[in-house]
Protein backbone atom coordinates (compact mmCIF):
# COMPACT_ATOMS: atom_id res chain seq x y z
CA MET A 1 -17.53 0.53 57.74
CA VAL A 2 -19.93 -1.12 60.20
CA SER A 3 -19.79 1.85 62.57
CA PHE A 4 -20.41 4.18 59.65
CA ILE A 5 -23.53 2.21 58.66
CA HIS A 6 -24.73 2.28 62.27
CA ARG A 7 -24.33 6.05 62.35
CA LEU A 8 -26.16 6.35 59.03
CA VAL A 9 -29.07 4.25 60.27
CA ALA A 10 -29.18 6.26 63.49
CA GLY A 11 -29.28 9.46 61.45
CA LEU A 12 -32.17 8.15 59.35
CA GLY A 13 -33.99 7.17 62.52
CA LEU A 14 -33.58 10.71 63.83
CA ALA A 15 -34.92 12.09 60.57
CA LEU A 16 -38.01 9.90 60.77
CA SER A 17 -38.62 10.79 64.41
CA VAL A 18 -38.54 14.50 63.52
CA VAL A 19 -40.60 14.32 60.32
CA GLY A 20 -43.36 12.19 61.81
CA PRO A 21 -44.58 14.50 64.59
CA ALA A 22 -44.15 17.61 62.48
CA CYS A 23 -46.30 16.15 59.70
CA ALA A 24 -49.01 15.26 62.20
CA ALA A 25 -48.92 18.70 63.80
CA LEU A 26 -49.41 20.37 60.43
CA ASP A 27 -52.31 18.08 59.39
CA ILE A 28 -50.90 17.14 56.03
CA LEU A 29 -52.14 14.91 53.22
CA PRO A 30 -49.26 12.55 52.35
CA LEU A 31 -47.95 12.36 48.82
CA SER A 32 -49.04 8.72 48.64
CA GLU A 33 -52.67 9.85 48.80
CA ILE A 34 -52.43 12.42 46.02
CA ARG A 35 -54.38 11.47 42.88
CA ALA A 36 -55.08 13.11 39.52
CA GLY A 37 -58.45 14.83 39.47
CA GLN A 38 -58.39 15.96 43.07
CA ARG A 39 -59.28 19.58 43.63
CA GLY A 40 -57.78 21.86 46.19
CA VAL A 41 -57.29 25.43 47.33
CA GLY A 42 -54.14 27.53 47.41
CA ARG A 43 -53.53 30.68 49.40
CA THR A 44 -51.42 33.71 48.56
CA ILE A 45 -51.50 37.52 48.53
CA PHE A 46 -52.48 39.36 45.36
CA SER A 47 -52.95 42.78 46.94
CA GLY A 48 -51.91 44.44 50.19
CA ASN A 49 -51.81 42.00 53.08
CA GLN A 50 -55.03 40.16 52.24
CA ILE A 51 -54.57 36.40 51.85
CA GLU A 52 -56.81 35.14 49.06
CA ASP A 53 -57.78 31.68 47.82
CA PHE A 54 -57.13 30.29 44.35
CA GLN A 55 -58.21 26.96 42.93
CA VAL A 56 -55.94 24.01 42.17
CA GLU A 57 -56.70 20.96 40.02
CA ILE A 58 -54.28 18.07 40.59
CA LEU A 59 -53.02 16.76 37.25
CA GLY A 60 -50.70 14.06 38.59
CA VAL A 61 -47.45 13.34 40.41
CA LEU A 62 -44.00 13.54 38.83
CA SER A 63 -41.70 11.05 40.54
CA ASN A 64 -37.90 11.19 40.86
CA THR A 65 -37.60 14.84 39.81
CA GLY A 66 -34.56 14.94 42.10
CA PRO A 67 -32.81 12.74 44.67
CA LYS A 68 -35.72 11.26 46.70
CA GLU A 69 -37.88 14.11 45.42
CA ALA A 70 -41.19 14.39 43.59
CA LEU A 71 -43.49 17.13 42.35
CA ILE A 72 -47.25 17.42 42.29
CA LEU A 73 -48.44 18.89 38.99
CA GLY A 74 -51.38 21.26 39.35
CA ARG A 75 -53.43 23.67 37.25
CA LEU A 76 -54.07 26.96 39.05
CA SER A 77 -57.09 29.21 38.51
CA GLY A 78 -58.96 32.07 40.12
CA GLY A 79 -58.12 35.66 40.89
CA PRO A 80 -55.64 37.18 38.41
CA LEU A 81 -53.92 33.88 37.58
CA GLU A 82 -55.62 33.42 34.19
CA HIS A 83 -53.98 36.71 33.16
CA THR A 84 -50.66 36.53 34.99
CA GLY A 85 -49.92 32.82 35.21
CA VAL A 86 -47.67 31.56 38.00
CA MET A 87 -45.94 34.63 39.42
CA GLN A 88 -42.56 35.30 40.95
CA GLY A 89 -43.25 35.86 44.63
CA MET A 90 -45.80 33.01 44.74
CA SER A 91 -43.08 30.51 45.66
CA GLY A 92 -44.19 28.85 48.88
CA SER A 93 -47.92 29.50 48.47
CA PRO A 94 -49.59 26.63 50.38
CA VAL A 95 -51.96 24.22 48.63
CA TYR A 96 -54.63 22.23 50.51
CA VAL A 97 -56.73 19.23 49.46
CA ASN A 98 -59.70 18.36 51.66
CA GLY A 99 -58.42 20.95 54.13
CA LYS A 100 -55.05 19.24 54.51
CA LEU A 101 -51.72 20.72 53.43
CA ILE A 102 -50.10 18.94 50.48
CA GLY A 103 -47.26 21.33 49.65
CA ALA A 104 -46.15 24.66 48.18
CA VAL A 105 -46.19 26.23 44.72
CA ALA A 106 -42.53 26.05 43.67
CA MET A 107 -42.05 25.33 39.96
CA ALA A 108 -43.43 26.62 36.66
CA PHE A 109 -42.92 26.56 32.90
CA PRO A 110 -41.35 29.75 31.49
CA TYR A 111 -43.48 31.45 28.80
CA ALA A 112 -46.40 29.07 29.53
CA LYS A 113 -49.88 30.30 28.53
CA ASP A 114 -51.57 28.21 31.21
CA PRO A 115 -50.89 28.58 34.95
CA ILE A 116 -49.45 25.08 35.44
CA ALA A 117 -47.36 24.77 38.61
CA GLY A 118 -45.12 22.22 40.26
CA ILE A 119 -46.13 21.81 43.92
CA ARG A 120 -43.39 20.79 46.36
CA PRO A 121 -44.70 18.05 48.72
CA ILE A 122 -44.76 19.27 52.30
CA GLU A 123 -42.96 16.09 53.49
CA GLU A 124 -39.87 17.18 51.55
CA MET A 125 -39.96 20.64 53.11
CA ILE A 126 -40.30 19.30 56.66
CA ARG A 127 -37.34 16.98 56.09
CA LEU A 128 -35.06 19.97 56.62
CA ASP A 129 -35.65 19.74 60.37
CA ALA A 130 -33.30 16.75 60.55
CA LEU A 131 -30.41 18.48 58.78
CA PRO A 132 -27.39 19.92 60.66
CA GLY A 133 -27.64 23.49 61.86
CA ARG A 134 -24.10 24.54 61.10
CA ARG A 135 -22.33 24.90 57.80
CA ALA A 136 -19.20 22.82 57.24
CA GLU A 137 -15.98 24.80 57.26
CA ALA A 138 -14.31 25.59 53.95
CA PRO A 139 -10.70 26.48 53.23
CA ALA A 140 -9.82 30.12 52.69
CA ILE A 141 -9.89 31.32 49.11
CA ALA A 142 -6.71 32.58 47.48
CA LEU A 143 -6.12 36.18 48.53
CA TYR A 144 -4.03 37.03 45.49
CA ARG A 145 -4.91 35.60 42.09
CA LYS A 146 -2.46 37.16 39.68
CA GLY A 147 -4.13 37.78 36.34
CA SER A 148 -7.27 35.92 37.36
CA GLY A 149 -9.72 38.61 36.25
CA LEU A 150 -12.26 38.14 39.06
CA ASP A 151 -15.78 39.01 37.97
CA ALA A 152 -18.99 39.94 39.72
CA GLY A 153 -19.92 36.34 40.47
CA ALA A 154 -16.57 35.11 41.75
CA LEU A 155 -17.27 35.74 45.42
CA LEU A 156 -20.49 33.75 45.73
CA PRO A 157 -19.58 30.07 45.20
CA VAL A 158 -23.09 28.60 45.25
CA PRO A 159 -24.61 26.29 42.63
CA ALA A 160 -25.98 28.06 39.58
CA ARG A 161 -29.37 27.19 38.09
CA LEU A 162 -28.85 25.54 34.76
CA GLU A 163 -30.59 27.18 31.83
CA GLY A 164 -32.88 24.70 30.13
CA PRO A 165 -35.37 24.53 27.26
CA GLU A 166 -38.52 26.55 27.57
CA ASN A 167 -40.62 23.37 27.85
CA ARG A 168 -38.87 22.25 31.03
CA MET A 169 -40.28 23.08 34.45
CA THR A 170 -37.94 25.25 36.51
CA GLU A 171 -38.00 26.83 39.93
CA VAL A 172 -40.06 30.00 40.02
CA ALA A 173 -37.41 32.72 39.99
CA THR A 174 -37.05 34.58 43.28
CA PRO A 175 -37.60 38.33 42.77
CA VAL A 176 -34.86 40.32 44.49
CA SER A 177 -35.54 44.01 45.06
CA PHE A 178 -32.65 46.50 45.18
CA SER A 179 -33.06 49.93 46.72
CA GLY A 180 -30.35 52.59 46.76
CA PHE A 181 -28.24 50.89 44.06
CA THR A 182 -27.35 52.45 40.71
CA SER A 183 -28.64 50.99 37.45
CA GLY A 184 -25.00 50.27 36.53
CA ALA A 185 -24.67 48.03 39.59
CA ILE A 186 -27.82 46.09 38.68
CA GLN A 187 -26.59 45.63 35.10
CA SER A 188 -23.13 44.51 36.22
CA PHE A 189 -24.29 42.02 38.85
CA GLY A 190 -27.57 40.98 37.23
CA PRO A 191 -26.24 38.15 35.02
CA ALA A 192 -24.51 36.43 37.95
CA MET A 193 -27.67 36.72 40.06
CA ARG A 194 -29.90 35.37 37.30
CA GLY A 195 -27.57 32.39 37.07
CA LEU A 196 -28.45 31.69 40.69
CA GLY A 197 -32.19 31.75 40.00
CA LEU A 198 -32.66 35.31 41.30
CA GLU A 199 -34.35 38.06 39.33
CA PRO A 200 -33.00 41.53 40.26
CA ARG A 201 -35.54 44.35 40.28
CA GLN A 202 -34.20 47.87 40.73
CA GLY A 203 -36.33 50.21 42.81
CA LEU A 204 -39.32 47.82 42.93
CA SER A 205 -39.17 47.50 46.69
CA LEU A 206 -41.29 50.40 47.88
CA GLY A 207 -41.45 52.15 51.21
CA GLY A 208 -37.72 52.45 51.90
CA ALA A 209 -35.87 50.40 54.49
CA PRO A 210 -37.89 47.79 56.40
CA ASP A 211 -38.91 48.33 59.99
CA MET A 212 -36.38 46.28 61.99
CA ARG A 213 -38.50 46.33 65.13
CA MET A 214 -39.89 42.87 65.94
CA GLY A 215 -43.46 42.43 64.74
CA ASP A 216 -46.35 40.43 66.14
CA PRO A 217 -46.13 36.74 65.08
CA LYS A 218 -49.93 36.70 64.80
CA ASN A 219 -49.61 38.82 61.65
CA LEU A 220 -47.79 35.99 59.87
CA LEU A 221 -49.99 33.22 58.40
CA PRO A 222 -49.68 30.52 55.73
CA GLY A 223 -50.04 32.43 52.48
CA SER A 224 -48.44 35.60 53.89
CA MET A 225 -45.70 37.19 51.82
CA ILE A 226 -42.24 37.62 53.31
CA SER A 227 -39.04 39.33 52.25
CA VAL A 228 -35.70 37.73 53.15
CA HIS A 229 -33.18 40.54 53.60
CA LEU A 230 -29.51 40.40 52.72
CA MET A 231 -28.88 44.10 53.39
CA THR A 232 -30.82 46.95 55.00
CA GLY A 233 -30.19 50.69 55.29
CA ASP A 234 -29.21 53.23 52.64
CA MET A 235 -28.81 50.29 50.27
CA SER A 236 -31.13 47.33 50.72
CA VAL A 237 -31.55 43.90 49.14
CA GLY A 238 -34.60 41.72 49.77
CA ALA A 239 -35.90 38.49 48.21
CA ASP A 240 -39.65 37.83 48.13
CA GLY A 241 -41.56 34.61 48.68
CA THR A 242 -44.55 33.14 50.48
CA VAL A 243 -45.02 31.29 53.78
CA THR A 244 -46.14 27.68 53.33
CA ALA A 245 -46.69 26.58 56.91
CA ILE A 246 -46.16 27.66 60.52
CA ASP A 247 -45.63 25.09 63.25
CA GLY A 248 -45.18 26.79 66.62
CA ASP A 249 -42.36 29.27 66.08
CA LYS A 250 -41.04 27.41 62.99
CA VAL A 251 -41.73 28.77 59.50
CA TYR A 252 -41.53 26.91 56.17
CA ALA A 253 -41.44 28.93 52.93
CA PHE A 254 -40.51 29.19 49.22
CA GLY A 255 -40.76 25.46 48.34
CA HIS A 256 -37.32 25.64 46.74
CA ARG A 257 -33.86 26.92 47.58
CA PHE A 258 -32.96 30.58 47.82
CA LEU A 259 -29.17 30.52 47.46
CA SER A 260 -28.42 26.95 48.62
CA LEU A 261 -26.53 28.33 51.61
CA GLY A 262 -27.45 25.45 53.90
CA PRO A 263 -27.38 26.55 57.56
CA THR A 264 -27.47 30.34 57.63
CA GLU A 265 -28.95 33.32 59.48
CA LEU A 266 -30.97 35.74 57.34
CA PRO A 267 -33.55 38.20 58.71
CA PHE A 268 -37.00 38.18 57.14
CA THR A 269 -39.87 40.65 57.33
CA ARG A 270 -43.53 40.53 56.53
CA ALA A 271 -44.27 42.04 53.10
CA GLU A 272 -47.27 43.58 51.39
CA VAL A 273 -48.12 43.51 47.69
CA ILE A 274 -48.47 46.88 45.95
CA THR A 275 -49.50 45.54 42.56
CA LEU A 276 -49.04 42.70 40.09
CA LEU A 277 -47.15 43.03 36.82
CA ALA A 278 -48.04 40.57 34.06
CA ASN A 279 -45.09 39.50 31.92
CA VAL A 280 -44.68 37.31 28.83
CA ASN A 281 -41.92 35.28 30.55
CA THR A 282 -42.95 35.23 34.22
CA SER A 283 -45.20 37.74 35.94
CA PHE A 284 -44.22 39.08 39.34
CA LYS A 285 -45.44 40.89 42.41
CA ILE A 286 -44.24 44.38 43.34
CA SER A 287 -44.03 44.47 47.11
CA THR A 288 -42.90 46.47 50.09
CA ALA A 289 -41.22 45.12 53.22
CA ARG A 290 -42.82 45.80 56.58
CA GLU A 291 -41.82 44.77 60.12
CA LEU A 292 -39.19 42.22 61.15
CA MET A 293 -40.58 38.76 61.89
CA GLY A 294 -37.61 36.43 62.49
CA ILE A 295 -34.73 34.62 60.81
CA ILE A 296 -34.25 32.06 58.05
CA SER A 297 -31.90 29.41 59.43
CA GLN A 298 -31.91 26.77 56.66
CA ASP A 299 -31.65 27.32 52.91
CA ARG A 300 -31.90 23.95 51.18
CA ASN A 301 -32.97 22.45 47.86
CA THR A 302 -36.63 21.97 48.79
CA ALA A 303 -37.38 24.96 51.01
CA VAL A 304 -36.17 27.65 53.36
CA THR A 305 -37.05 27.34 57.03
CA GLY A 306 -36.65 29.59 60.03
CA SER A 307 -38.12 30.85 63.27
CA VAL A 308 -40.25 33.83 64.27
CA GLY A 309 -39.25 36.15 67.08
CA ARG A 310 -35.47 35.85 66.59
CA ARG A 311 -32.95 38.43 65.39
CA ALA A 312 -30.10 37.78 62.99
CA ALA A 313 -26.62 39.00 63.87
CA MET A 314 -25.95 41.68 61.24
CA LEU A 315 -22.66 43.20 60.12
CA PRO A 316 -22.44 47.04 60.05
CA LEU A 317 -21.06 48.49 56.80
CA ASP A 318 -20.16 52.19 56.43
CA ILE A 319 -19.01 53.74 53.15
CA SER A 320 -18.06 57.37 52.58
CA VAL A 321 -17.26 58.77 49.13
CA VAL A 322 -15.13 61.78 48.25
CA GLU A 323 -15.11 63.04 44.66
CA GLU A 324 -12.21 65.26 43.65
CA THR A 325 -11.60 66.15 47.37
CA LYS A 326 -15.29 67.05 47.96
CA PRO A 327 -17.65 64.85 50.05
CA ALA A 328 -20.03 63.07 47.68
CA GLY A 329 -22.05 60.78 49.92
CA GLU A 330 -22.25 58.54 52.96
CA TYR A 331 -23.90 55.15 53.16
CA HIS A 332 -24.74 53.18 56.29
CA MET A 333 -25.98 49.62 56.01
CA GLN A 334 -26.42 46.39 57.92
CA MET A 335 -25.64 43.25 55.93
CA VAL A 336 -25.97 39.60 56.81
CA ARG A 337 -22.92 38.14 58.54
CA ASP A 338 -22.23 35.26 56.18
CA ARG A 339 -18.90 33.94 54.90
CA TYR A 340 -20.13 33.91 51.29
CA LEU A 341 -22.80 36.59 51.16
CA SER A 342 -21.00 39.36 53.09
CA PRO A 343 -18.07 39.75 50.63
CA TYR A 344 -20.48 39.65 47.69
CA LEU A 345 -22.73 42.30 49.23
CA LEU A 346 -19.69 44.43 50.04
CA GLN A 347 -18.59 44.17 46.43
CA MET A 348 -21.99 45.36 45.17
CA ALA A 349 -22.22 48.21 47.69
CA LEU A 350 -18.72 49.51 46.90
CA PHE A 351 -19.37 49.29 43.17
CA SER A 352 -22.64 51.19 43.48
CA ALA A 353 -21.12 53.88 45.74
CA ILE A 354 -18.34 54.50 43.20
CA ASP A 355 -20.70 54.28 40.23
CA ALA A 356 -22.94 56.95 41.76
CA THR A 357 -20.16 59.55 41.53
CA GLN A 358 -17.73 58.36 38.86
CA ARG A 359 -18.28 58.45 35.13
CA ALA A 360 -19.03 55.10 33.52
CA THR A 361 -16.54 55.37 30.66
CA GLY A 362 -13.15 56.96 30.25
CA ALA A 363 -10.13 57.29 32.50
CA SER A 364 -10.80 57.16 36.23
CA SER A 365 -9.19 56.36 39.58
CA VAL A 366 -10.39 55.06 42.92
CA THR A 367 -8.43 55.23 46.17
CA VAL A 368 -9.67 52.82 48.85
CA ARG A 369 -8.91 53.24 52.54
CA GLY A 370 -10.67 51.21 55.17
CA SER A 371 -10.60 48.89 58.14
CA ILE A 372 -12.07 45.52 59.08
CA GLN A 373 -12.64 45.02 62.80
CA PHE A 374 -13.17 41.80 64.73
CA GLU A 375 -15.25 40.86 67.73
CA GLY A 376 -13.19 40.59 70.91
CA ARG A 377 -9.85 41.19 69.18
CA PRO A 378 -7.63 44.31 69.29
CA GLU A 379 -6.12 43.61 65.85
CA THR A 380 -7.65 45.21 62.79
CA VAL A 381 -7.03 44.78 59.09
CA GLU A 382 -6.15 48.03 57.38
CA VAL A 383 -6.99 48.21 53.68
CA ARG A 384 -5.30 50.79 51.47
CA SER A 385 -4.89 50.80 47.71
CA VAL A 386 -5.53 52.76 44.51
CA TYR A 387 -6.97 51.61 41.19
CA ALA A 388 -6.53 53.54 37.95
CA ALA A 389 -7.69 52.49 34.49
CA ASP A 390 -9.18 53.69 31.22
CA GLY A 391 -12.35 51.87 32.23
CA GLY A 392 -13.51 49.50 34.94
CA SER A 393 -11.71 50.95 37.94
CA ASN A 394 -14.94 50.65 39.97
CA MET A 395 -15.09 46.89 39.42
CA MET A 396 -11.35 46.53 40.11
CA ALA A 397 -11.63 48.40 43.40
CA SER A 398 -14.81 46.69 44.61
CA THR A 399 -13.76 43.15 43.69
CA THR A 400 -10.23 43.30 45.08
CA THR A 401 -11.44 44.86 48.31
CA ALA A 402 -14.15 42.23 48.71
CA VAL A 403 -11.61 39.43 48.15
CA THR A 404 -9.81 40.59 51.29
CA LEU A 405 -13.01 40.25 53.36
CA SER A 406 -13.72 36.89 51.72
CA TYR A 407 -10.28 35.58 52.68
CA LEU A 408 -10.83 36.56 56.31
CA MET A 409 -14.39 35.23 56.61
CA GLN A 410 -13.76 31.95 54.81
CA GLY A 411 -10.66 31.05 56.81
CA GLY A 412 -12.54 28.59 59.02
CA PHE A 413 -11.81 30.23 62.40
CA ASP A 414 -14.79 30.75 64.71
CA ALA A 415 -12.63 33.07 66.81
CA LEU A 416 -12.21 35.44 63.85
CA LYS A 417 -15.64 37.06 63.68
CA VAL A 418 -15.92 40.30 61.70
CA ASN A 419 -18.08 42.86 63.53
CA ARG A 420 -17.59 46.08 61.51
CA VAL A 421 -16.46 47.11 58.03
CA ALA A 422 -15.81 50.74 57.05
CA PHE A 423 -14.34 52.23 53.87
CA ARG A 424 -13.52 55.66 52.49
CA LEU A 425 -13.51 55.94 48.69
CA GLU A 426 -11.80 58.79 46.87
CA THR A 427 -12.78 59.00 43.21
CA SER A 428 -11.24 60.98 40.37
CA ASN A 429 -11.92 61.33 36.65
CA ALA A 430 -8.18 61.33 35.98
CA LYS A 431 -6.08 58.23 35.51
CA GLN A 432 -3.74 58.42 38.47
CA GLY A 433 -1.35 55.74 37.29
CA MET A 434 2.41 55.48 36.90
CA ASN A 435 4.49 52.82 35.21
CA ILE A 436 7.95 51.76 36.36
CA GLY A 437 10.32 53.09 33.70
CA GLN A 438 14.08 53.30 34.03
CA VAL A 439 15.85 51.76 37.02
CA TYR A 440 19.62 52.20 37.38
CA LEU A 441 22.40 51.96 39.98
CA SER A 442 25.11 54.52 40.66
CA ARG A 443 27.73 51.79 40.28
CA ARG A 444 28.00 48.17 39.15
CA GLU A 445 30.43 46.83 41.71
CA VAL A 446 30.80 47.36 45.47
CA LYS A 447 32.59 45.88 48.43
CA PRO A 448 30.90 44.90 51.70
CA GLY A 449 30.21 48.02 53.80
CA GLU A 450 30.01 50.38 50.79
CA THR A 451 26.91 52.33 49.76
CA VAL A 452 25.15 52.37 46.38
CA GLU A 453 22.36 54.63 45.08
CA LEU A 454 19.39 53.30 43.08
CA THR A 455 17.25 55.65 40.99
CA THR A 456 13.77 54.76 39.77
CA VAL A 457 11.82 56.75 37.19
CA LEU A 458 8.01 56.44 37.29
CA ASP A 459 6.31 57.45 34.03
CA GLY A 460 2.75 58.81 33.85
CA GLU A 461 0.44 60.31 31.26
CA ASN A 462 1.27 63.56 29.43
CA GLY A 463 5.00 63.05 30.00
CA ARG A 464 4.73 63.28 33.77
CA GLN A 465 7.58 61.68 35.72
CA LEU A 466 8.42 60.96 39.33
CA ILE A 467 12.03 60.23 40.28
CA ARG A 468 12.85 58.36 43.44
CA THR A 469 16.41 57.76 44.70
CA VAL A 470 17.35 55.56 47.66
CA LYS A 471 20.64 54.50 49.21
CA TYR A 472 21.61 51.01 50.24
CA THR A 473 24.67 49.98 52.23
CA VAL A 474 25.87 46.46 51.56
CA PRO A 475 26.16 44.77 54.98
CA PRO A 476 29.71 44.02 56.17
CA GLY A 477 30.54 40.35 55.72
CA THR A 478 28.29 39.92 52.67
CA ALA A 479 29.62 37.06 50.56
CA PRO A 480 30.82 37.87 47.04
CA GLY A 481 28.30 37.39 44.29
CA THR A 482 25.30 39.00 42.61
CA LEU A 483 22.71 41.14 44.37
CA ASN A 484 19.39 41.67 42.59
CA PHE A 485 17.55 44.98 42.93
CA THR A 486 13.92 44.50 41.84
CA VAL A 487 11.56 47.49 41.73
CA ALA A 488 7.97 46.27 41.35
CA ASP A 489 4.37 47.25 42.05
CA GLY A 490 2.57 46.17 45.21
CA SER A 491 0.85 43.16 43.67
CA GLN A 492 3.99 41.60 42.23
CA THR A 493 5.99 42.33 45.38
CA SER A 494 3.32 40.69 47.55
CA VAL A 495 3.24 37.62 45.34
CA ALA A 496 7.03 37.29 45.40
CA ASP A 497 7.22 37.71 49.15
CA LEU A 498 4.08 35.92 50.32
CA LYS A 499 3.19 33.29 47.72
CA GLN A 500 4.39 30.48 49.97
CA VAL A 501 2.49 31.89 52.95
CA LEU A 502 -0.76 32.46 51.07
CA ALA A 503 -0.66 29.00 49.50
CA VAL A 504 -0.78 27.37 52.95
CA THR A 505 -3.91 27.30 55.12
CA PRO A 506 -3.27 29.61 58.11
CA ARG A 507 -2.87 27.90 61.47
CA ASN A 508 -4.57 30.59 63.56
CA PRO A 509 -6.49 33.88 63.27
CA GLU A 510 -3.40 35.95 64.05
CA GLN A 511 -1.62 34.50 61.04
CA MET A 512 -4.57 35.34 58.77
CA ILE A 513 -4.63 38.97 59.95
CA SER A 514 -0.86 39.17 59.57
CA ASN A 515 -1.05 37.82 56.02
CA VAL A 516 -3.48 40.54 54.96
CA ASN A 517 -1.64 43.37 56.71
CA ARG A 518 1.63 42.33 55.02
CA LEU A 519 0.15 42.90 51.55
CA ARG A 520 1.63 45.94 49.78
CA SER A 521 -0.66 48.69 48.57
CA ALA A 522 -0.74 49.76 44.93
CA ASP A 523 0.10 53.43 45.63
CA ALA A 524 3.86 52.85 45.76
CA ALA A 525 6.73 50.95 44.16
CA TYR A 526 8.76 48.54 46.26
CA LEU A 527 12.49 47.89 46.05
CA ARG A 528 13.34 44.32 46.97
CA ILE A 529 17.03 43.40 47.36
CA TRP A 530 17.58 39.65 47.12
CA ARG A 531 20.00 36.90 46.23
CA ALA A 532 19.51 33.81 44.08
CA GLU A 533 19.82 31.31 46.89
CA ASN A 534 17.65 29.40 49.32
CA ALA A 535 15.37 31.32 51.64
CA TYR A 536 13.57 29.80 54.60
CA GLU A 537 10.22 30.41 56.22
CA VAL A 538 9.03 29.15 59.59
CA ASN A 539 5.43 29.78 60.69
CA GLY A 540 5.02 32.34 57.92
CA GLU A 541 8.08 34.39 58.88
CA GLU A 542 11.10 34.60 56.56
CA LEU A 543 14.58 33.79 57.89
CA PRO A 544 16.97 35.49 55.45
CA ASP A 545 20.60 34.38 55.27
CA PRO A 546 20.66 32.08 58.34
CA PRO A 547 23.98 30.77 59.72
CA PRO A 548 25.34 27.72 57.82
CA SER A 549 24.52 25.36 60.69
CA VAL A 550 20.90 26.54 60.80
CA ALA A 551 20.63 26.47 57.00
CA MET A 552 21.78 22.85 56.99
CA VAL A 553 18.97 21.87 59.34
CA LEU A 554 16.32 23.89 57.48
CA SER A 555 17.37 22.59 54.07
CA GLY A 556 16.56 19.10 55.29
CA ALA A 557 12.89 20.10 55.45
CA PRO A 558 11.76 20.75 51.84
CA ALA A 559 8.62 22.53 53.06
CA LEU A 560 10.79 25.22 54.67
CA ALA A 561 13.30 25.77 51.86
CA LYS A 562 12.30 28.30 49.18
CA ASN A 563 14.63 28.51 46.22
CA LEU A 564 16.02 31.60 44.52
CA ASN A 565 14.26 34.18 46.67
CA SER A 566 16.36 35.16 49.68
CA LYS A 567 15.35 38.72 50.55
CA MET A 568 17.99 40.92 52.17
CA ALA A 569 16.09 44.22 52.38
CA GLU A 570 12.99 46.05 51.18
CA MET A 571 12.20 49.76 50.72
CA ARG A 572 9.01 51.60 49.82
CA LEU A 573 9.11 54.22 47.04
CA ASP A 574 6.16 56.59 47.45
CA ALA A 575 4.22 57.49 44.28
CA ASP A 576 2.20 60.48 45.51
CA GLY A 577 -1.04 58.50 45.62
CA ASN A 578 -0.73 57.11 42.09
CA MET A 579 -1.26 53.48 41.16
CA VAL A 580 2.08 51.90 40.21
CA THR A 581 2.41 49.05 37.70
CA GLY A 582 5.33 47.13 36.26
CA ALA A 583 8.62 45.65 37.44
CA LYS A 584 12.31 46.08 36.60
CA THR A 585 15.43 44.32 37.92
CA VAL A 586 19.07 45.46 37.90
CA GLN A 587 22.10 43.68 39.35
CA LEU A 588 25.08 44.62 41.49
CA GLU A 589 28.27 42.59 41.92
CA VAL A 590 29.72 42.28 45.40
CA LYS A 591 33.52 41.90 45.32
CA GLU A 592 35.91 40.85 48.06
């Protein structure tokens, strides 16, 4: 305990040593000297790239608005603010009293008639310099969640903004501009994004993709507007805010969190304002992204901070779409390489690519084929599956595919760094689905060494059927008893075969890749022949029917013994590209 306290004190000392010089360099007015009645000046962009002044009257200080946090309450005036009120995109606008920086516009009252703002003290924003620069590792998420019904927000586990009464001050929502996405994608993912304090705006980012060439740092000043980019290219996602302060190559902005990602690496560009749009709830700026300026490296409760002149490591994403065997589009993007954001962005991009070609209602099917490649590793993850439904196949395909990437990126292995993601999507307006119907054996009893035939009937719409017959020879020396022949879809077969493996945190990157590649695709049925007796797994590999002496040793380790699931063989029953669902089991008696 004593050593822990010493470390804590040392950490606080480090924080003070960092905050002190930074405050002095920025010429700030401390919170302790803020008084009601003081008058100041704020700076922001209302049009183009011209930084303009607005007036601020200090109304008072709100203490303990959060852990060791306070807010300065101010009345804004000047320019268009009497008409628009506090606008989305103003977050981070610096405020000065007597020429000294006091903080950033960060909070507002929804539906307020007067432009009253909460100003984040600059001391709280600078405090981020003492925080760690690397995110703590998190365990891998479950790769298969049977019947879980994953939704559009399931892949982004960051704190949601709580909805409150209209008379409560809240963070000024961050406007997020989407380009290249369908309206269906915005509608489907909008509620989850609004819960995070983001306000999606379709097509309100003008000028196309930002210029990813590095710009001149001299063009970035306190009051300048920036756009933090999550994705660029044929589909782009950018979040707008304002620069509060620049200290050397360090940039402070927003005055509140973006996504609460902690340490991160997000590219940001300079932005220009096209026009302002007054709104009864909260007005906002319509902007366009310009040249690259640097990266955001910290996303915390009181601000986002970063550096100019640096490039973020981006993850290439390529998507091609084929509709009814005809090419329907290609999309090439760069998305942020982030364990939480990348799967979520992949999910949105896949959904939008499918939605652009497939009808929104009625029967439909999506076949997904793709690969996930890793930096410095020869292994790849191959993704292949098909999704067929009377509605919602686009969300099924995009979510399940993104879960695979999420499992790989959230596994906690620095050596497993994804460096390219590519997918081919084949869409159809027909429901390409088959259900497992009859399953029967050619005989009910066999002796070791004899062969039995199993026939499976797959039933589709309009009376369509596929019949698959396979032969199985009972191995010589098989003990008398019951053999189970289970024909099931890929999901149920994977759960039966890998549920013990997927429930345990992988020990190395190779095991993670192996886990994913062992998953069965949905475009086939799988025959699993097993006995109701102990099975054993060592390092993720099954040891079926071990010798009695080995079984005795393994049974002494409960973590290695798996009851009632000893697999003897497995066969794949092709379904001609159709999605297979269901499961049936028949039994065969082995006689002496």
